[in-house]
Each structure stands twice: as C-alpha cells, then as structure tokens.
Amino acid sequence: MANRKEKPENSSMAMDEKEMKELGKEMEELDTNEQVKEKGRRPDPEQYANDDRKG
C-alpha cells in the first residue's frame, strides 16, 4: 500500500481508484469464515447481528 501523509477528503481507506483496486485484490486473498473454521480458528464475530444495536 502506498505511504500517504495526507488524509483523504472523504475519510475512506483508499485515496484513489488505483489504491481501491489494490485493496480489492488484497481482500480477494483473505480466507472466508468457512475457510477460517476449517483451519481450526474462530472467525470474527458478526457485527450488529441484532438490528437493535445499530447506531
């Protein structure tokens, strides 16, 4: 990922479309919850499983 000193105006993770595509490629390599479970690990918990907790 590119080193960046300035904060993006839209407060997003990616500064531009090129960086967004790079992040997308990185995310494609991540294991799914099922793959994580198959490796004997615990996946991240679901966030906001209950609609009452949404802000």
PDB file of N, CA and C in Angstrom:
ATOM      1  N   MET A   1       0.859  -1.175   0.000  1.00  0.00           N
ATOM      2  CA  MET A   1       0.000   0.000   0.000  1.00  0.00           C
ATOM      3  C   MET A   1       0.899   1.230   0.000  1.00  0.00           C
ATOM      4  N   ALA A   2       0.445   2.261  -0.603  1.00  0.00           N
ATOM      5  CA  ALA A   2       1.236   3.485  -0.729  1.00  0.00           C
ATOM      6  C   ALA A   2       1.346   4.201   0.612  1.00  0.00           C
ATOM      7  N   ASN A   3       2.511   4.799   0.840  1.00  0.00           N
ATOM      8  CA  ASN A   3       2.659   5.639   2.029  1.00  0.00           C
ATOM      9  C   ASN A   3       1.948   6.949   1.754  1.00  0.00           C
ATOM     10  N   ARG A   4       1.145   7.368   2.670  1.00  0.00           N
ATOM     11  CA  ARG A   4       0.425   8.621   2.464  1.00  0.00           C
ATOM     12  C   ARG A   4       0.490   9.451   3.730  1.00  0.00           C
ATOM     13  N   LYS A   5       0.738  10.704   3.545  1.00  0.00           N
ATOM     14  CA  LYS A   5       0.839  11.612   4.682  1.00  0.00           C
ATOM     15  C   LYS A   5      -0.420  12.438   4.843  1.00  0.00           C
ATOM     16  N   GLU A   6      -1.119  12.665   3.745  1.00  0.00           N
ATOM     17  CA  GLU A   6      -2.327  13.476   3.844  1.00  0.00           C
ATOM     18  C   GLU A   6      -3.549  12.582   4.053  1.00  0.00           C
ATOM     19  N   LYS A   7      -4.531  13.100   4.709  1.00  0.00           N
ATOM     20  CA  LYS A   7      -5.770  12.367   4.955  1.00  0.00           C
ATOM     21  C   LYS A   7      -6.701  12.573   3.763  1.00  0.00           C
ATOM     22  N   PRO A   8      -7.333  11.491   3.275  1.00  0.00           N
ATOM     23  CA  PRO A   8      -8.259  11.668   2.162  1.00  0.00           C
ATOM     24  C   PRO A   8      -9.441  12.540   2.569  1.00  0.00           C
ATOM     25  N   GLU A   9      -9.953  13.304   1.624  1.00  0.00           N
ATOM     26  CA  GLU A   9     -11.069  14.211   1.911  1.00  0.00           C
ATOM     27  C   GLU A   9     -12.332  13.471   2.321  1.00  0.00           C
ATOM     28  N   ASN A  10     -12.503  12.244   1.803  1.00  0.00           N
ATOM     29  CA  ASN A  10     -13.732  11.514   2.084  1.00  0.00           C
ATOM     30  C   ASN A  10     -13.583  10.528   3.244  1.00  0.00           C
ATOM     31  N   SER A  11     -12.421  10.549   3.937  1.00  0.00           N
ATOM     32  CA  SER A  11     -12.160   9.685   5.093  1.00  0.00           C
ATOM     33  C   SER A  11     -12.288   8.205   4.750  1.00  0.00           C
ATOM     34  N   SER A  12     -11.993   7.837   3.526  1.00  0.00           N
ATOM     35  CA  SER A  12     -12.067   6.438   3.127  1.00  0.00           C
ATOM     36  C   SER A  12     -10.723   5.766   3.320  1.00  0.00           C
ATOM     37  N   MET A  13     -10.679   4.460   3.108  1.00  0.00           N
ATOM     38  CA  MET A  13      -9.433   3.722   3.221  1.00  0.00           C
ATOM     39  C   MET A  13      -8.524   3.975   2.025  1.00  0.00           C
ATOM     40  N   ALA A  14      -9.092   4.255   0.894  1.00  0.00           N
ATOM     41  CA  ALA A  14      -8.310   4.410  -0.329  1.00  0.00           C
ATOM     42  C   ALA A  14      -8.311   5.862  -0.789  1.00  0.00           C
ATOM     43  N   MET A  15      -7.143   6.306  -1.232  1.00  0.00           N
ATOM     44  CA  MET A  15      -7.002   7.689  -1.698  1.00  0.00           C
ATOM     45  C   MET A  15      -7.547   7.874  -3.118  1.00  0.00           C
ATOM     46  N   ASP A  16      -7.434   6.820  -3.941  1.00  0.00           N
ATOM     47  CA  ASP A  16      -7.846   6.944  -5.325  1.00  0.00           C
ATOM     48  C   ASP A  16      -8.281   5.583  -5.868  1.00  0.00           C
ATOM     49  N   GLU A  17      -8.717   5.567  -7.101  1.00  0.00           N
ATOM     50  CA  GLU A  17      -9.229   4.332  -7.696  1.00  0.00           C
ATOM     51  C   GLU A  17      -8.157   3.253  -7.784  1.00  0.00           C
ATOM     52  N   LYS A  18      -6.922   3.632  -8.076  1.00  0.00           N
ATOM     53  CA  LYS A  18      -5.835   2.656  -8.168  1.00  0.00           C
ATOM     54  C   LYS A  18      -5.640   1.941  -6.831  1.00  0.00           C
ATOM     55  N   GLU A  19      -5.606   2.715  -5.755  1.00  0.00           N
ATOM     56  CA  GLU A  19      -5.433   2.120  -4.440  1.00  0.00           C
ATOM     57  C   GLU A  19      -6.640   1.264  -4.066  1.00  0.00           C
ATOM     58  N   MET A  20      -7.831   1.682  -4.480  1.00  0.00           N
ATOM     59  CA  MET A  20      -9.033   0.913  -4.200  1.00  0.00           C
ATOM     60  C   MET A  20      -8.961  -0.453  -4.886  1.00  0.00           C
ATOM     61  N   LYS A  21      -8.475  -0.490  -6.120  1.00  0.00           N
ATOM     62  CA  LYS A  21      -8.328  -1.754  -6.837  1.00  0.00           C
ATOM     63  C   LYS A  21      -7.301  -2.649  -6.152  1.00  0.00           C
ATOM     64  N   GLU A  22      -6.202  -2.064  -5.660  1.00  0.00           N
ATOM     65  CA  GLU A  22      -5.179  -2.834  -4.955  1.00  0.00           C
ATOM     66  C   GLU A  22      -5.756  -3.439  -3.669  1.00  0.00           C
ATOM     67  N   LEU A  23      -6.528  -2.657  -2.936  1.00  0.00           N
ATOM     68  CA  LEU A  23      -7.151  -3.164  -1.715  1.00  0.00           C
ATOM     69  C   LEU A  23      -8.137  -4.284  -2.029  1.00  0.00           C
ATOM     70  N   GLY A  24      -8.858  -4.152  -3.125  1.00  0.00           N
ATOM     71  CA  GLY A  24      -9.792  -5.194  -3.543  1.00  0.00           C
ATOM     72  C   GLY A  24      -9.071  -6.498  -3.830  1.00  0.00           C
ATOM     73  N   LYS A  25      -7.917  -6.412  -4.487  1.00  0.00           N
ATOM     74  CA  LYS A  25      -7.123  -7.617  -4.772  1.00  0.00           C
ATOM     75  C   LYS A  25      -6.642  -8.259  -3.480  1.00  0.00           C
ATOM     76  N   GLU A  26      -6.221  -7.437  -2.509  1.00  0.00           N
ATOM     77  CA  GLU A  26      -5.792  -7.968  -1.211  1.00  0.00           C
ATOM     78  C   GLU A  26      -6.952  -8.674  -0.509  1.00  0.00           C
ATOM     79  N   MET A  27      -8.132  -8.081  -0.577  1.00  0.00           N
ATOM     80  CA  MET A  27      -9.287  -8.664   0.095  1.00  0.00           C
ATOM     81  C   MET A  27      -9.709  -9.982  -0.538  1.00  0.00           C
ATOM     82  N   GLU A  28      -9.514 -10.130  -1.847  1.00  0.00           N
ATOM     83  CA  GLU A  28      -9.857 -11.379  -2.528  1.00  0.00           C
ATOM     84  C   GLU A  28      -9.023 -12.538  -1.999  1.00  0.00           C
ATOM     85  N   GLU A  29      -7.836 -12.248  -1.477  1.00  0.00           N
ATOM     86  CA  GLU A  29      -6.939 -13.276  -0.963  1.00  0.00           C
ATOM     87  C   GLU A  29      -7.284 -13.709   0.461  1.00  0.00           C
ATOM     88  N   LEU A  30      -8.133 -12.962   1.151  1.00  0.00           N
ATOM     89  CA  LEU A  30      -8.486 -13.291   2.526  1.00  0.00           C
ATOM     90  C   LEU A  30      -9.340 -14.552   2.577  1.00  0.00           C
ATOM     91  N   ASP A  31      -9.174 -15.335   3.637  1.00  0.00           N
ATOM     92  CA  ASP A  31      -9.983 -16.532   3.830  1.00  0.00           C
ATOM     93  C   ASP A  31     -11.416 -16.151   4.188  1.00  0.00           C
ATOM     94  N   THR A  32     -12.362 -16.982   3.739  1.00  0.00           N
ATOM     95  CA  THR A  32     -13.756 -16.803   4.138  1.00  0.00           C
ATOM     96  C   THR A  32     -13.921 -17.341   5.556  1.00  0.00           C
ATOM     97  N   ASN A  33     -15.045 -17.063   6.183  1.00  0.00           N
ATOM     98  CA  ASN A  33     -15.304 -17.590   7.523  1.00  0.00           C
ATOM     99  C   ASN A  33     -15.232 -19.111   7.533  1.00  0.00           C
ATOM    100  N   GLU A  34     -15.766 -19.751   6.491  1.00  0.00           N
ATOM    101  CA  GLU A  34     -15.734 -21.218   6.420  1.00  0.00           C
ATOM    102  C   GLU A  34     -14.295 -21.723   6.332  1.00  0.00           C
ATOM    103  N   GLN A  35     -13.465 -21.064   5.555  1.00  0.00           N
ATOM    104  CA  GLN A  35     -12.064 -21.478   5.432  1.00  0.00           C
ATOM    105  C   GLN A  35     -11.337 -21.299   6.761  1.00  0.00           C
ATOM    106  N   VAL A  36     -11.649 -20.230   7.463  1.00  0.00           N
ATOM    107  CA  VAL A  36     -11.032 -19.987   8.775  1.00  0.00           C
ATOM    108  C   VAL A  36     -11.433 -21.105   9.736  1.00  0.00           C
ATOM    109  N   LYS A  37     -12.723 -21.474   9.747  1.00  0.00           N
ATOM    110  CA  LYS A  37     -13.207 -22.548  10.621  1.00  0.00           C
ATOM    111  C   LYS A  37     -12.528 -23.864  10.281  1.00  0.00           C
ATOM    112  N   GLU A  38     -12.337 -24.155   8.983  1.00  0.00           N
ATOM    113  CA  GLU A  38     -11.688 -25.394   8.564  1.00  0.00           C
ATOM    114  C   GLU A  38     -10.253 -25.478   9.078  1.00  0.00           C
ATOM    115  N   LYS A  39      -9.627 -24.347   9.277  1.00  0.00           N
ATOM    116  CA  LYS A  39      -8.257 -24.306   9.791  1.00  0.00           C
ATOM    117  C   LYS A  39      -8.222 -24.392  11.318  1.00  0.00           C
ATOM    118  N   GLY A  40      -9.409 -24.570  11.930  1.00  0.00           N
ATOM    119  CA  GLY A  40      -9.480 -24.700  13.378  1.00  0.00           C
ATOM    120  C   GLY A  40      -9.405 -23.375  14.111  1.00  0.00           C
ATOM    121  N   ARG A  41      -9.691 -22.305  13.427  1.00  0.00           N
ATOM    122  CA  ARG A  41      -9.646 -20.980  14.046  1.00  0.00           C
ATOM    123  C   ARG A  41     -11.052 -20.423  14.148  1.00  0.00           C
ATOM    124  N   ARG A  42     -11.207 -19.392  14.939  1.00  0.00           N
ATOM    125  CA  ARG A  42     -12.508 -18.737  15.097  1.00  0.00           C
ATOM    126  C   ARG A  42     -12.572 -17.505  14.221  1.00  0.00           C
ATOM    127  N   PRO A  43     -13.603 -17.390  13.365  1.00  0.00           N
ATOM    128  CA  PRO A  43     -13.736 -16.180  12.548  1.00  0.00           C
ATOM    129  C   PRO A  43     -14.183 -14.997  13.393  1.00  0.00           C
ATOM    130  N   ASP A  44     -14.033 -13.818  12.832  1.00  0.00           N
ATOM    131  CA  ASP A  44     -14.502 -12.618  13.522  1.00  0.00           C
ATOM    132  C   ASP A  44     -15.998 -12.731  13.766  1.00  0.00           C
ATOM    133  N   PRO A  45     -16.470 -12.221  14.894  1.00  0.00           N
ATOM    134  CA  PRO A  45     -17.912 -12.266  15.160  1.00  0.00           C
ATOM    135  C   PRO A  45     -18.665 -11.320  14.234  1.00  0.00           C
ATOM    136  N   GLU A  46     -19.921 -11.670  13.984  1.00  0.00           N
ATOM    137  CA  GLU A  46     -20.758 -10.779  13.178  1.00  0.00           C
ATOM    138  C   GLU A  46     -21.006  -9.507  13.968  1.00  0.00           C
ATOM    139  N   GLN A  47     -20.983  -8.396  13.269  1.00  0.00           N
ATOM    140  CA  GLN A  47     -21.294  -7.142  13.923  1.00  0.00           C
ATOM    141  C   GLN A  47     -22.759  -6.816  13.677  1.00  0.00           C
ATOM    142  N   TYR A  48     -23.387  -6.293  14.680  1.00  0.00           N
ATOM    143  CA  TYR A  48     -24.782  -5.875  14.574  1.00  0.00           C
ATOM    144  C   TYR A  48     -25.686  -7.025  14.156  1.00  0.00           C
ATOM    145  N   ALA A  49     -25.503  -8.174  14.739  1.00  0.00           N
ATOM    146  CA  ALA A  49     -26.366  -9.313  14.444  1.00  0.00           C
ATOM    147  C   ALA A  49     -27.810  -8.990  14.824  1.00  0.00           C
ATOM    148  N   ASN A  50     -27.964  -8.127  15.831  1.00  0.00           N
ATOM    149  CA  ASN A  50     -29.290  -7.728  16.280  1.00  0.00           C
ATOM    150  C   ASN A  50     -29.509  -6.278  15.809  1.00  0.00           C
ATOM    151  N   ASP A  51     -30.570  -6.031  15.045  1.00  0.00           N
ATOM    152  CA  ASP A  51     -30.829  -4.702  14.495  1.00  0.00           C
ATOM    153  C   ASP A  51     -30.964  -3.627  15.566  1.00  0.00           C
ATOM    154  N   ASP A  52     -31.319  -4.023  16.797  1.00  0.00           N
ATOM    155  CA  ASP A  52     -31.480  -3.046  17.881  1.00  0.00           C
ATOM    156  C   ASP A  52     -30.158  -2.394  18.261  1.00  0.00           C
ATOM    157  N   ARG A  53     -29.032  -3.016  17.913  1.00  0.00           N
ATOM    158  CA  ARG A  53     -27.732  -2.490  18.301  1.00  0.00           C
ATOM    159  C   ARG A  53     -27.175  -1.497  17.313  1.00  0.00           C
ATOM    160  N   LYS A  54     -27.778  -1.373  16.157  1.00  0.00           N
ATOM    161  CA  LYS A  54     -27.282  -0.445  15.149  1.00  0.00           C
ATOM    162  C   LYS A  54     -27.447   0.982  15.632  1.00  0.00           C
ATOM    163  N   GLY A  55     -26.439   1.797  15.335  1.00  0.00           N
ATOM    164  CA  GLY A  55     -26.471   3.192  15.785  1.00  0.00           C
ATOM    165  C   GLY A  55     -27.162   4.009  14.802  1.00  0.00           C
TER     166      GLY A  55
END
